[in-house]
Amino acid sequence: MLKLPSTLRSRKLMAAALGIALVGAGTVVVAQTAPLEPIQWDRRRLEQLDRNVRRLERAVTQRNAAGQPVLVEPDPEVVALQGRVGIMDRRLSDMEATVQRVNADLERLTFALDEANRDNAAIGARLRDAEVRVQRLEAAAEREAELNSPIPTTSPTGDATRDLAAAVRLAASDPARGDRALQTVIAAWPDTPQAREAHSRLGDLRVSTGDHAGAVSAYASSLQGWPTTPWAAATTLELAAALNETDRKTQACGALTEFANRYAEDASPALRTRATELRTRFECPAPRSARRGG
């Protein structure tokens, strides 16, 4: 791009201003014509423009010297355009101020929204925690009501063997409910082998909870008449241990004697070994058959 010398630039501006000026008493009128093709500013045109500007300078200087000053009047369209530009500038300034206020408001709203989101998250977490706690309390209340309700006297399945099997499985996973299930077997099927076994298993549950007195009652109920079922020998030893825990050493030794007289011969080696250990620990006298053998 061709750069104009500083002198040419100043003269160019003056020529543009003088193009709309009134020279002396006369007025230069520029007729409105159709738009022309853009001027290609080459070196020749720039030199011509410079000569024209010099002529205008000499003319202005001569008229000023002759007492006929050159008056430059602004173009009304230019004045109107300047007014419009001023209005647009003011409006633009107002819009910038408005945008700044809106941005500030948006920042405050964003901060408030972030705080609200954090508060909502905290409240949501507390609500979920409260719901979990309420559900636990409700479940605990339902369980407590179930465990404290009267023992049913009717069979859940209509078969004593199936009732006992279900109660044993439940006792393995939920001892408290299993306890009630075993009591239900006893209440629904009294004076049956299943009821006797249920008593024995109840005794085991009582021992696991430290209720040795309750275990004694349950074991004693299961061994009424000294049954010959497979579990009777082990239950007799458990009865002896529970009796000793309740400070009834004599009765404990009596239970060990019943084991020796009724079950030892057919009992497993492990049960016989345990009976010997209990007798030694309880300092019980040897059974009659053992003394005779000695």
Foldseek 3Di string as FASTA:
>chain_A
DDDDPPVLVVLVVVVVQCCQWAFFPHGRDDDDDDDDDDDDDDPVVSVVSVVVSVVVVVSQVVCVVVVRHIGGDDDPVVVVVVVVVVVVVVVVVVVVVVVVVVVVVVVVVVVVVVVVVVVVVVVVVVVVVVVVVVVVVVVVVVVVCVLPDDQDLAQPVNDLVVLLVVLVVCCVVPVSVSLSSLVNSCNNPPPDLSNLVSLLVNLVSCVVVVNLVSSLVSLVSSCVVHDPDPCSLVSLLSNLVSCVVVVNLVVSLVSLLCSVVPPPVPDDPVSVVVSVVSCVVSVHDDHPVVVVVD
